[in-house]
Amino acid sequence: MAAFVVMEDTRFFRHDGFEREQIERALWFNLGAGRFARGASTISQQTARNLWLGMDRSLGRKLQEAMLTAMLEDKLDKRRI
């Protein structure tokens, strides 16, 4: 598990499910590219997407992912996620 956390989300145990700075960087990068070229998903966001959502890269799907991530973080311990 430690290797996975280091590779995917080094601040996993310290954030609330969202890396706002990385989200902002990805937003500006993607706006400049004119497409979804860079992601900023945390392990919690990836878990929500993989359990309940598809790989669609739309804004609507990202909003659903954010709501599900917040619920995961509220209800479950990090080790359970």
C-alpha atoms as a PDB file:
ATOM      1  CA  MET A   1       0.000   0.000   0.000  1.00  0.00           C
ATOM      2  CA  ALA A   2       2.801   2.439   0.853  1.00  0.00           C
ATOM      3  CA  ALA A   3       4.337   2.148  -2.617  1.00  0.00           C
ATOM      4  CA  PHE A   4       0.960   2.812  -4.239  1.00  0.00           C
ATOM      5  CA  VAL A   5       0.393   5.921  -2.099  1.00  0.00           C
ATOM      6  CA  VAL A   6       3.887   7.233  -2.902  1.00  0.00           C
ATOM      7  CA  MET A   7       3.347   6.746  -6.633  1.00  0.00           C
ATOM      8  CA  GLU A   8      -0.236   8.022  -6.854  1.00  0.00           C
ATOM      9  CA  ASP A   9      -0.878  10.539  -4.076  1.00  0.00           C
ATOM     10  CA  THR A  10       1.913  11.343  -1.631  1.00  0.00           C
ATOM     11  CA  ARG A  11      -0.321  13.584   0.507  1.00  0.00           C
ATOM     12  CA  PHE A  12      -3.174  11.047   0.676  1.00  0.00           C
ATOM     13  CA  PHE A  13      -3.200  10.807   4.469  1.00  0.00           C
ATOM     14  CA  ARG A  14      -3.009  14.594   4.894  1.00  0.00           C
ATOM     15  CA  HIS A  15      -5.694  15.965   2.546  1.00  0.00           C
ATOM     16  CA  ASP A  16      -9.491  15.842   2.576  1.00  0.00           C
ATOM     17  CA  GLY A  17      -9.771  14.006  -0.733  1.00  0.00           C
ATOM     18  CA  PHE A  18      -8.813  16.956  -2.923  1.00  0.00           C
ATOM     19  CA  GLU A  19      -5.472  18.520  -3.859  1.00  0.00           C
ATOM     20  CA  ARG A  20      -6.736  21.992  -4.672  1.00  0.00           C
ATOM     21  CA  GLU A  21      -3.385  23.307  -5.891  1.00  0.00           C
ATOM     22  CA  GLN A  22      -3.040  20.405  -8.335  1.00  0.00           C
ATOM     23  CA  ILE A  23      -6.651  20.835  -9.466  1.00  0.00           C
ATOM     24  CA  GLU A  24      -5.994  24.514 -10.194  1.00  0.00           C
ATOM     25  CA  ARG A  25      -2.805  23.705 -12.120  1.00  0.00           C
ATOM     26  CA  ALA A  26      -4.602  21.058 -14.171  1.00  0.00           C
ATOM     27  CA  LEU A  27      -7.487  23.462 -14.849  1.00  0.00           C
ATOM     28  CA  TRP A  28      -5.199  26.159 -16.255  1.00  0.00           C
ATOM     29  CA  PHE A  29      -3.151  23.627 -18.221  1.00  0.00           C
ATOM     30  CA  ASN A  30      -6.304  22.077 -19.718  1.00  0.00           C
ATOM     31  CA  LEU A  31      -7.786  25.476 -20.572  1.00  0.00           C
ATOM     32  CA  GLY A  32      -4.576  26.340 -22.424  1.00  0.00           C
ATOM     33  CA  ALA A  33      -4.585  22.989 -24.206  1.00  0.00           C
ATOM     34  CA  GLY A  34      -8.281  23.261 -25.070  1.00  0.00           C
ATOM     35  CA  ARG A  35      -8.947  19.738 -23.823  1.00  0.00           C
ATOM     36  CA  PHE A  36      -8.622  17.465 -20.796  1.00  0.00           C
ATOM     37  CA  ALA A  37      -4.890  16.803 -21.132  1.00  0.00           C
ATOM     38  CA  ARG A  38      -3.805  16.732 -17.490  1.00  0.00           C
ATOM     39  CA  GLY A  39      -5.496  15.247 -14.441  1.00  0.00           C
ATOM     40  CA  ALA A  40      -5.171  15.908 -10.736  1.00  0.00           C
ATOM     41  CA  SER A  41      -7.137  13.065  -9.169  1.00  0.00           C
ATOM     42  CA  THR A  42      -6.327  11.871  -5.678  1.00  0.00           C
ATOM     43  CA  ILE A  43      -6.665   8.249  -4.613  1.00  0.00           C
ATOM     44  CA  SER A  44     -10.046   9.127  -3.101  1.00  0.00           C
ATOM     45  CA  GLN A  45     -11.222  10.631  -6.390  1.00  0.00           C
ATOM     46  CA  GLN A  46      -9.916   7.632  -8.348  1.00  0.00           C
ATOM     47  CA  THR A  47     -11.748   5.300  -5.954  1.00  0.00           C
ATOM     48  CA  ALA A  48     -15.043   7.154  -6.428  1.00  0.00           C
ATOM     49  CA  ARG A  49     -14.607   7.134 -10.203  1.00  0.00           C
ATOM     50  CA  ASN A  50     -13.684   3.449 -10.371  1.00  0.00           C
ATOM     51  CA  LEU A  51     -16.500   2.302  -8.077  1.00  0.00           C
ATOM     52  CA  TRP A  52     -19.411   4.365  -9.389  1.00  0.00           C
ATOM     53  CA  LEU A  53     -18.514   6.330 -12.516  1.00  0.00           C
ATOM     54  CA  GLY A  54     -17.118   5.693 -15.951  1.00  0.00           C
ATOM     55  CA  MET A  55     -14.057   7.125 -17.630  1.00  0.00           C
ATOM     56  CA  ASP A  56     -16.019   9.945 -19.289  1.00  0.00           C
ATOM     57  CA  ARG A  57     -13.960  13.138 -19.078  1.00  0.00           C
ATOM     58  CA  SER A  58     -16.829  15.602 -18.895  1.00  0.00           C
ATOM     59  CA  LEU A  59     -17.327  18.402 -16.407  1.00  0.00           C
ATOM     60  CA  GLY A  60     -20.551  16.763 -15.207  1.00  0.00           C
ATOM     61  CA  ARG A  61     -18.758  13.523 -14.421  1.00  0.00           C
ATOM     62  CA  LYS A  62     -16.034  15.439 -12.551  1.00  0.00           C
ATOM     63  CA  LEU A  63     -18.695  17.166 -10.432  1.00  0.00           C
ATOM     64  CA  GLN A  64     -20.263  13.793  -9.607  1.00  0.00           C
ATOM     65  CA  GLU A  65     -16.808  12.480  -8.727  1.00  0.00           C
ATOM     66  CA  ALA A  66     -16.237  15.433  -6.396  1.00  0.00           C
ATOM     67  CA  MET A  67     -19.517  14.831  -4.549  1.00  0.00           C
ATOM     68  CA  LEU A  68     -18.811  11.118  -4.175  1.00  0.00           C
ATOM     69  CA  THR A  69     -15.253  11.829  -3.028  1.00  0.00           C
ATOM     70  CA  ALA A  70     -16.503  14.186  -0.317  1.00  0.00           C
ATOM     71  CA  MET A  71     -18.915  11.503   0.885  1.00  0.00           C
ATOM     72  CA  LEU A  72     -16.179   8.842   0.900  1.00  0.00           C
ATOM     73  CA  GLU A  73     -13.871  11.077   2.898  1.00  0.00           C
ATOM     74  CA  ASP A  74     -16.652  11.924   5.350  1.00  0.00           C
ATOM     75  CA  LYS A  75     -17.786   8.346   5.951  1.00  0.00           C
ATOM     76  CA  LEU A  76     -14.643   6.208   5.689  1.00  0.00           C
ATOM     77  CA  ASP A  77     -11.214   6.051   7.288  1.00  0.00           C
ATOM     78  CA  LYS A  78      -8.307   6.667   4.865  1.00  0.00           C
ATOM     79  CA  ARG A  79      -7.136   3.046   5.193  1.00  0.00           C
ATOM     80  CA  ARG A  80     -10.583   1.858   4.175  1.00  0.00           C
ATOM     81  CA  ILE A  81     -10.586   4.080   1.092  1.00  0.00           C
END
